[in-house]
Amino acid sequence: MIYGDYDVDGTTAVVILKTAIELCGGTTDFHVPHRIKRRLRIKDDVIETRRCRWVKVVISVDTGIRAFQAAETALRVV
C-alpha cells in the first residue's frame, strides 16, 4: 500500500510509484487522506483496515517522516 499526501507532490509521488510497481508486474493499493477530515498524518486505523487484505508492505511518500506510532502499528498488523 502506498500512503500518500494530498498535495501536488504527494499525489504525483503516489501515481509514479503505483505505475512503476504495476509496470514491474506488482499490484498495489493506495491511500490519500481527505484534505479537510484527515489532515497530514498517517493514521493507525488506515493501516489496520488494510491488515485483512493482501497488503504486505506500506510505503509512505511525502508524509510520515515522524509517524513512529503508525510504523509500530504496521509492524504489528502487516
PDB file of N, CA and C in Angstrom:
ATOM      1  N   MET A   1       0.843  -1.166   0.000  1.00  0.00           N
ATOM      2  CA  MET A   1       0.000   0.000   0.000  1.00  0.00           C
ATOM      3  C   MET A   1       0.890   1.230   0.000  1.00  0.00           C
ATOM      4  N   ILE A   2       0.540   2.172  -0.825  1.00  0.00           N
ATOM      5  CA  ILE A   2       1.244   3.446  -0.866  1.00  0.00           C
ATOM      6  C   ILE A   2       0.400   4.452  -0.095  1.00  0.00           C
ATOM      7  N   TYR A   3       0.992   5.070   0.899  1.00  0.00           N
ATOM      8  CA  TYR A   3       0.294   6.056   1.714  1.00  0.00           C
ATOM      9  C   TYR A   3       0.840   7.414   1.320  1.00  0.00           C
ATOM     10  N   GLY A   4       0.016   8.225   0.676  1.00  0.00           N
ATOM     11  CA  GLY A   4       0.491   9.489   0.147  1.00  0.00           C
ATOM     12  C   GLY A   4      -0.077  10.702   0.844  1.00  0.00           C
ATOM     13  N   ASP A   5       0.166  11.808   0.250  1.00  0.00           N
ATOM     14  CA  ASP A   5      -0.246  13.110   0.729  1.00  0.00           C
ATOM     15  C   ASP A   5      -1.187  13.696  -0.325  1.00  0.00           C
ATOM     16  N   TYR A   6      -2.019  14.633   0.060  1.00  0.00           N
ATOM     17  CA  TYR A   6      -2.997  15.174  -0.885  1.00  0.00           C
ATOM     18  C   TYR A   6      -2.513  16.381  -1.674  1.00  0.00           C
ATOM     19  N   ASP A   7      -1.322  16.857  -1.442  1.00  0.00           N
ATOM     20  CA  ASP A   7      -0.849  17.992  -2.229  1.00  0.00           C
ATOM     21  C   ASP A   7      -0.240  17.513  -3.554  1.00  0.00           C
ATOM     22  N   VAL A   8       0.205  18.443  -4.359  1.00  0.00           N
ATOM     23  CA  VAL A   8       0.653  18.115  -5.717  1.00  0.00           C
ATOM     24  C   VAL A   8       1.810  17.117  -5.724  1.00  0.00           C
ATOM     25  N   ASP A   9       2.838  17.355  -4.936  1.00  0.00           N
ATOM     26  CA  ASP A   9       3.968  16.425  -4.954  1.00  0.00           C
ATOM     27  C   ASP A   9       3.623  15.083  -4.317  1.00  0.00           C
ATOM     28  N   GLY A  10       2.715  15.072  -3.366  1.00  0.00           N
ATOM     29  CA  GLY A  10       2.302  13.817  -2.753  1.00  0.00           C
ATOM     30  C   GLY A  10       1.496  12.939  -3.697  1.00  0.00           C
ATOM     31  N   THR A  11       0.513  13.525  -4.380  1.00  0.00           N
ATOM     32  CA  THR A  11      -0.290  12.729  -5.311  1.00  0.00           C
ATOM     33  C   THR A  11       0.527  12.304  -6.517  1.00  0.00           C
ATOM     34  N   THR A  12       1.430  13.162  -6.950  1.00  0.00           N
ATOM     35  CA  THR A  12       2.308  12.797  -8.062  1.00  0.00           C
ATOM     36  C   THR A  12       3.200  11.616  -7.670  1.00  0.00           C
ATOM     37  N   ALA A  13       3.727  11.633  -6.465  1.00  0.00           N
ATOM     38  CA  ALA A  13       4.568  10.539  -5.993  1.00  0.00           C
ATOM     39  C   ALA A  13       3.785   9.230  -5.928  1.00  0.00           C
ATOM     40  N   VAL A  14       2.530   9.293  -5.481  1.00  0.00           N
ATOM     41  CA  VAL A  14       1.695   8.095  -5.434  1.00  0.00           C
ATOM     42  C   VAL A  14       1.500   7.530  -6.836  1.00  0.00           C
ATOM     43  N   VAL A  15       1.168   8.385  -7.792  1.00  0.00           N
ATOM     44  CA  VAL A  15       0.922   7.928  -9.169  1.00  0.00           C
ATOM     45  C   VAL A  15       2.175   7.331  -9.788  1.00  0.00           C
ATOM     46  N   ILE A  16       3.318   7.978  -9.616  1.00  0.00           N
ATOM     47  CA  ILE A  16       4.568   7.474 -10.192  1.00  0.00           C
ATOM     48  C   ILE A  16       4.944   6.124  -9.583  1.00  0.00           C
ATOM     49  N   LEU A  17       4.872   6.018  -8.268  1.00  0.00           N
ATOM     50  CA  LEU A  17       5.243   4.762  -7.619  1.00  0.00           C
ATOM     51  C   LEU A  17       4.264   3.637  -7.951  1.00  0.00           C
ATOM     52  N   LYS A  18       2.975   3.943  -7.965  1.00  0.00           N
ATOM     53  CA  LYS A  18       1.964   2.943  -8.320  1.00  0.00           C
ATOM     54  C   LYS A  18       2.187   2.452  -9.750  1.00  0.00           C
ATOM     55  N   THR A  19       2.432   3.356 -10.663  1.00  0.00           N
ATOM     56  CA  THR A  19       2.683   2.998 -12.058  1.00  0.00           C
ATOM     57  C   THR A  19       3.928   2.128 -12.185  1.00  0.00           C
ATOM     58  N   ALA A  20       4.997   2.502 -11.486  1.00  0.00           N
ATOM     59  CA  ALA A  20       6.243   1.733 -11.556  1.00  0.00           C
ATOM     60  C   ALA A  20       6.050   0.316 -11.020  1.00  0.00           C
ATOM     61  N   ILE A  21       5.352   0.195  -9.905  1.00  0.00           N
ATOM     62  CA  ILE A  21       5.112  -1.134  -9.332  1.00  0.00           C
ATOM     63  C   ILE A  21       4.289  -1.987 -10.290  1.00  0.00           C
ATOM     64  N   GLU A  22       3.272  -1.411 -10.879  1.00  0.00           N
ATOM     65  CA  GLU A  22       2.422  -2.162 -11.803  1.00  0.00           C
ATOM     66  C   GLU A  22       3.153  -2.516 -13.102  1.00  0.00           C
ATOM     67  N   LEU A  23       4.029  -1.637 -13.585  1.00  0.00           N
ATOM     68  CA  LEU A  23       4.824  -1.948 -14.775  1.00  0.00           C
ATOM     69  C   LEU A  23       5.787  -3.111 -14.517  1.00  0.00           C
ATOM     70  N   CYS A  24       6.183  -3.272 -13.257  1.00  0.00           N
ATOM     71  CA  CYS A  24       7.062  -4.380 -12.885  1.00  0.00           C
ATOM     72  C   CYS A  24       6.281  -5.657 -12.582  1.00  0.00           C
ATOM     73  N   GLY A  25       4.968  -5.619 -12.745  1.00  0.00           N
ATOM     74  CA  GLY A  25       4.143  -6.798 -12.543  1.00  0.00           C
ATOM     75  C   GLY A  25       3.506  -6.912 -11.172  1.00  0.00           C
ATOM     76  N   GLY A  26       3.702  -5.931 -10.328  1.00  0.00           N
ATOM     77  CA  GLY A  26       3.121  -5.969  -8.991  1.00  0.00           C
ATOM     78  C   GLY A  26       1.726  -5.390  -8.957  1.00  0.00           C
ATOM     79  N   THR A  27       1.100  -5.563  -7.830  1.00  0.00           N
ATOM     80  CA  THR A  27      -0.203  -4.938  -7.603  1.00  0.00           C
ATOM     81  C   THR A  27      -0.084  -4.069  -6.363  1.00  0.00           C
ATOM     82  N   THR A  28      -0.848  -3.003  -6.328  1.00  0.00           N
ATOM     83  CA  THR A  28      -0.749  -2.085  -5.210  1.00  0.00           C
ATOM     84  C   THR A  28      -2.066  -1.383  -4.951  1.00  0.00           C
ATOM     85  N   ASP A  29      -2.220  -0.974  -3.732  1.00  0.00           N
ATOM     86  CA  ASP A  29      -3.334  -0.158  -3.289  1.00  0.00           C
ATOM     87  C   ASP A  29      -2.729   1.163  -2.834  1.00  0.00           C
ATOM     88  N   PHE A  30      -3.542   2.178  -2.688  1.00  0.00           N
ATOM     89  CA  PHE A  30      -3.020   3.442  -2.191  1.00  0.00           C
ATOM     90  C   PHE A  30      -4.043   4.117  -1.297  1.00  0.00           C
ATOM     91  N   HIS A  31      -3.561   5.033  -0.497  1.00  0.00           N
ATOM     92  CA  HIS A  31      -4.439   5.842   0.350  1.00  0.00           C
ATOM     93  C   HIS A  31      -3.918   7.261   0.344  1.00  0.00           C
ATOM     94  N   VAL A  32      -4.801   8.200   0.046  1.00  0.00           N
ATOM     95  CA  VAL A  32      -4.513   9.624   0.158  1.00  0.00           C
ATOM     96  C   VAL A  32      -5.585  10.192   1.086  1.00  0.00           C
ATOM     97  N   PRO A  33      -5.190  10.793   2.204  1.00  0.00           N
ATOM     98  CA  PRO A  33      -6.182  11.267   3.170  1.00  0.00           C
ATOM     99  C   PRO A  33      -7.028  12.416   2.621  1.00  0.00           C
ATOM    100  N   HIS A  34      -8.232  12.526   3.156  1.00  0.00           N
ATOM    101  CA  HIS A  34      -9.118  13.635   2.813  1.00  0.00           C
ATOM    102  C   HIS A  34      -8.487  14.928   3.327  1.00  0.00           C
ATOM    103  N   ARG A  35      -8.458  15.930   2.502  1.00  0.00           N
ATOM    104  CA  ARG A  35      -7.760  17.172   2.826  1.00  0.00           C
ATOM    105  C   ARG A  35      -8.270  17.839   4.103  1.00  0.00           C
ATOM    106  N   ILE A  36      -9.562  17.826   4.332  1.00  0.00           N
ATOM    107  CA  ILE A  36     -10.125  18.518   5.491  1.00  0.00           C
ATOM    108  C   ILE A  36     -10.312  17.582   6.684  1.00  0.00           C
ATOM    109  N   LYS A  37     -10.808  16.378   6.426  1.00  0.00           N
ATOM    110  CA  LYS A  37     -11.146  15.463   7.518  1.00  0.00           C
ATOM    111  C   LYS A  37      -9.942  14.810   8.176  1.00  0.00           C
ATOM    112  N   ARG A  38      -8.912  14.477   7.420  1.00  0.00           N
ATOM    113  CA  ARG A  38      -7.846  13.623   7.950  1.00  0.00           C
ATOM    114  C   ARG A  38      -6.526  14.332   8.221  1.00  0.00           C
ATOM    115  N   ARG A  39      -6.304  15.432   7.637  1.00  0.00           N
ATOM    116  CA  ARG A  39      -5.035  16.147   7.784  1.00  0.00           C
ATOM    117  C   ARG A  39      -3.857  15.339   7.236  1.00  0.00           C
ATOM    118  N   LEU A  40      -2.658  15.769   7.585  1.00  0.00           N
ATOM    119  CA  LEU A  40      -1.446  15.189   7.000  1.00  0.00           C
ATOM    120  C   LEU A  40      -0.723  14.249   7.949  1.00  0.00           C
ATOM    121  N   ARG A  41      -1.406  13.283   8.449  1.00  0.00           N
ATOM    122  CA  ARG A  41      -0.751  12.360   9.361  1.00  0.00           C
ATOM    123  C   ARG A  41      -1.140  10.945   8.993  1.00  0.00           C
ATOM    124  N   ILE A  42      -0.192  10.040   9.060  1.00  0.00           N
ATOM    125  CA  ILE A  42      -0.507   8.637   8.808  1.00  0.00           C
ATOM    126  C   ILE A  42      -1.313   8.133   9.996  1.00  0.00           C
ATOM    127  N   LYS A  43      -2.457   7.585   9.702  1.00  0.00           N
ATOM    128  CA  LYS A  43      -3.367   7.128  10.744  1.00  0.00           C
ATOM    129  C   LYS A  43      -3.257   5.618  10.945  1.00  0.00           C
ATOM    130  N   ASP A  44      -3.237   5.222  12.191  1.00  0.00           N
ATOM    131  CA  ASP A  44      -3.189   3.801  12.524  1.00  0.00           C
ATOM    132  C   ASP A  44      -4.385   3.041  11.960  1.00  0.00           C
ATOM    133  N   ASP A  45      -5.563   3.667  12.007  1.00  0.00           N
ATOM    134  CA  ASP A  45      -6.766   2.954  11.565  1.00  0.00           C
ATOM    135  C   ASP A  45      -6.745   2.628  10.081  1.00  0.00           C
ATOM    136  N   VAL A  46      -6.092   3.455   9.282  1.00  0.00           N
ATOM    137  CA  VAL A  46      -5.977   3.165   7.849  1.00  0.00           C
ATOM    138  C   VAL A  46      -5.115   1.924   7.641  1.00  0.00           C
ATOM    139  N   ILE A  47      -4.031   1.843   8.374  1.00  0.00           N
ATOM    140  CA  ILE A  47      -3.149   0.677   8.275  1.00  0.00           C
ATOM    141  C   ILE A  47      -3.857  -0.570   8.800  1.00  0.00           C
ATOM    142  N   GLU A  48      -4.574  -0.422   9.893  1.00  0.00           N
ATOM    143  CA  GLU A  48      -5.271  -1.568  10.475  1.00  0.00           C
ATOM    144  C   GLU A  48      -6.374  -2.097   9.561  1.00  0.00           C
ATOM    145  N   THR A  49      -7.064  -1.234   8.833  1.00  0.00           N
ATOM    146  CA  THR A  49      -8.115  -1.710   7.929  1.00  0.00           C
ATOM    147  C   THR A  49      -7.539  -2.485   6.762  1.00  0.00           C
ATOM    148  N   ARG A  50      -6.284  -2.258   6.443  1.00  0.00           N
ATOM    149  CA  ARG A  50      -5.643  -2.982   5.338  1.00  0.00           C
ATOM    150  C   ARG A  50      -5.107  -4.345   5.772  1.00  0.00           C
ATOM    151  N   ARG A  51      -5.068  -4.613   7.069  1.00  0.00           N
ATOM    152  CA  ARG A  51      -4.439  -5.848   7.557  1.00  0.00           C
ATOM    153  C   ARG A  51      -5.145  -7.104   7.080  1.00  0.00           C
ATOM    154  N   CYS A  52      -6.431  -7.037   6.830  1.00  0.00           N
ATOM    155  CA  CYS A  52      -7.173  -8.214   6.365  1.00  0.00           C
ATOM    156  C   CYS A  52      -7.031  -8.413   4.862  1.00  0.00           C
ATOM    157  N   ARG A  53      -6.471  -7.445   4.189  1.00  0.00           N
ATOM    158  CA  ARG A  53      -6.273  -7.548   2.743  1.00  0.00           C
ATOM    159  C   ARG A  53      -4.922  -8.174   2.461  1.00  0.00           C
ATOM    160  N   TRP A  54      -4.530  -8.115   1.221  1.00  0.00           N
ATOM    161  CA  TRP A  54      -3.279  -8.717   0.772  1.00  0.00           C
ATOM    162  C   TRP A  54      -2.068  -7.833   1.018  1.00  0.00           C
ATOM    163  N   VAL A  55      -2.218  -6.717   1.714  1.00  0.00           N
ATOM    164  CA  VAL A  55      -1.126  -5.765   1.915  1.00  0.00           C
ATOM    165  C   VAL A  55      -0.028  -6.384   2.777  1.00  0.00           C
ATOM    166  N   LYS A  56       1.186  -6.364   2.262  1.00  0.00           N
ATOM    167  CA  LYS A  56       2.349  -6.874   2.981  1.00  0.00           C
ATOM    168  C   LYS A  56       3.391  -5.793   3.240  1.00  0.00           C
ATOM    169  N   VAL A  57       3.312  -4.683   2.484  1.00  0.00           N
ATOM    170  CA  VAL A  57       4.282  -3.594   2.606  1.00  0.00           C
ATOM    171  C   VAL A  57       3.524  -2.272   2.580  1.00  0.00           C
ATOM    172  N   VAL A  58       3.938  -1.346   3.437  1.00  0.00           N
ATOM    173  CA  VAL A  58       3.381   0.004   3.433  1.00  0.00           C
ATOM    174  C   VAL A  58       4.523   0.956   3.104  1.00  0.00           C
ATOM    175  N   ILE A  59       4.319   1.757   2.055  1.00  0.00           N
ATOM    176  CA  ILE A  59       5.316   2.745   1.631  1.00  0.00           C
ATOM    177  C   ILE A  59       4.682   4.116   1.781  1.00  0.00           C
ATOM    178  N   SER A  60       5.338   5.002   2.504  1.00  0.00           N
ATOM    179  CA  SER A  60       4.816   6.368   2.613  1.00  0.00           C
ATOM    180  C   SER A  60       5.601   7.272   1.671  1.00  0.00           C
ATOM    181  N   VAL A  61       4.875   8.163   1.021  1.00  0.00           N
ATOM    182  CA  VAL A  61       5.507   9.136   0.126  1.00  0.00           C
ATOM    183  C   VAL A  61       5.010  10.526   0.510  1.00  0.00           C
ATOM    184  N   ASP A  62       5.945  11.430   0.694  1.00  0.00           N
ATOM    185  CA  ASP A  62       5.667  12.826   1.025  1.00  0.00           C
ATOM    186  C   ASP A  62       4.916  12.986   2.343  1.00  0.00           C
ATOM    187  N   THR A  63       4.975  12.007   3.193  1.00  0.00           N
ATOM    188  CA  THR A  63       4.347  12.094   4.507  1.00  0.00           C
ATOM    189  C   THR A  63       4.924  11.004   5.403  1.00  0.00           C
ATOM    190  N   GLY A  64       4.761  11.153   6.688  1.00  0.00           N
ATOM    191  CA  GLY A  64       5.112  10.082   7.608  1.00  0.00           C
ATOM    192  C   GLY A  64       6.519  10.060   8.135  1.00  0.00           C
ATOM    193  N   ILE A  65       7.273  11.124   7.947  1.00  0.00           N
ATOM    194  CA  ILE A  65       8.665  11.118   8.386  1.00  0.00           C
ATOM    195  C   ILE A  65       8.790  10.915   9.902  1.00  0.00           C
ATOM    196  N   ARG A  66       7.752  11.316  10.646  1.00  0.00           N
ATOM    197  CA  ARG A  66       7.782  11.173  12.098  1.00  0.00           C
ATOM    198  C   ARG A  66       6.639  10.294  12.609  1.00  0.00           C
ATOM    199  N   ALA A  67       6.151   9.420  11.787  1.00  0.00           N
ATOM    200  CA  ALA A  67       4.992   8.593  12.125  1.00  0.00           C
ATOM    201  C   ALA A  67       5.432   7.308  12.828  1.00  0.00           C
ATOM    202  N   PHE A  68       6.044   7.452  13.967  1.00  0.00           N
ATOM    203  CA  PHE A  68       6.575   6.296  14.682  1.00  0.00           C
ATOM    204  C   PHE A  68       5.467   5.342  15.132  1.00  0.00           C
ATOM    205  N   GLN A  69       4.359   5.898  15.627  1.00  0.00           N
ATOM    206  CA  GLN A  69       3.252   5.051  16.080  1.00  0.00           C
ATOM    207  C   GLN A  69       2.665   4.267  14.905  1.00  0.00           C
ATOM    208  N   ALA A  70       2.494   4.901  13.776  1.00  0.00           N
ATOM    209  CA  ALA A  70       1.966   4.208  12.587  1.00  0.00           C
ATOM    210  C   ALA A  70       2.921   3.117  12.134  1.00  0.00           C
ATOM    211  N   ALA A  71       4.214   3.355  12.232  1.00  0.00           N
ATOM    212  CA  ALA A  71       5.198   2.332  11.866  1.00  0.00           C
ATOM    213  C   ALA A  71       5.110   1.134  12.802  1.00  0.00           C
ATOM    214  N   GLU A  72       4.911   1.378  14.079  1.00  0.00           N
ATOM    215  CA  GLU A  72       4.739   0.287  15.033  1.00  0.00           C
ATOM    216  C   GLU A  72       3.479  -0.509  14.728  1.00  0.00           C
ATOM    217  N   THR A  73       2.410   0.195  14.373  1.00  0.00           N
ATOM    218  CA  THR A  73       1.160  -0.483  14.012  1.00  0.00           C
ATOM    219  C   THR A  73       1.372  -1.336  12.773  1.00  0.00           C
ATOM    220  N   ALA A  74       2.064  -0.799  11.779  1.00  0.00           N
ATOM    221  CA  ALA A  74       2.322  -1.552  10.554  1.00  0.00           C
ATOM    222  C   ALA A  74       3.138  -2.805  10.833  1.00  0.00           C
ATOM    223  N   LEU A  75       4.112  -2.709  11.703  1.00  0.00           N
ATOM    224  CA  LEU A  75       4.910  -3.883  12.054  1.00  0.00           C
ATOM    225  C   LEU A  75       4.054  -4.970  12.706  1.00  0.00           C
ATOM    226  N   ARG A  76       3.089  -4.526  13.469  1.00  0.00           N
ATOM    227  CA  ARG A  76       2.238  -5.452  14.202  1.00  0.00           C
ATOM    228  C   ARG A  76       1.190  -6.110  13.303  1.00  0.00           C
ATOM    229  N   VAL A  77       0.638  -5.371  12.343  1.00  0.00           N
ATOM    230  CA  VAL A  77      -0.513  -5.899  11.597  1.00  0.00           C
ATOM    231  C   VAL A  77      -0.231  -6.303  10.162  1.00  0.00           C
ATOM    232  N   VAL A  78       0.819  -5.785   9.556  1.00  0.00           N
ATOM    233  CA  VAL A  78       1.062  -6.101   8.148  1.00  0.00           C
ATOM    234  C   VAL A  78       1.929  -7.328   8.044  1.00  0.00           C
TER     235      VAL A  78
END
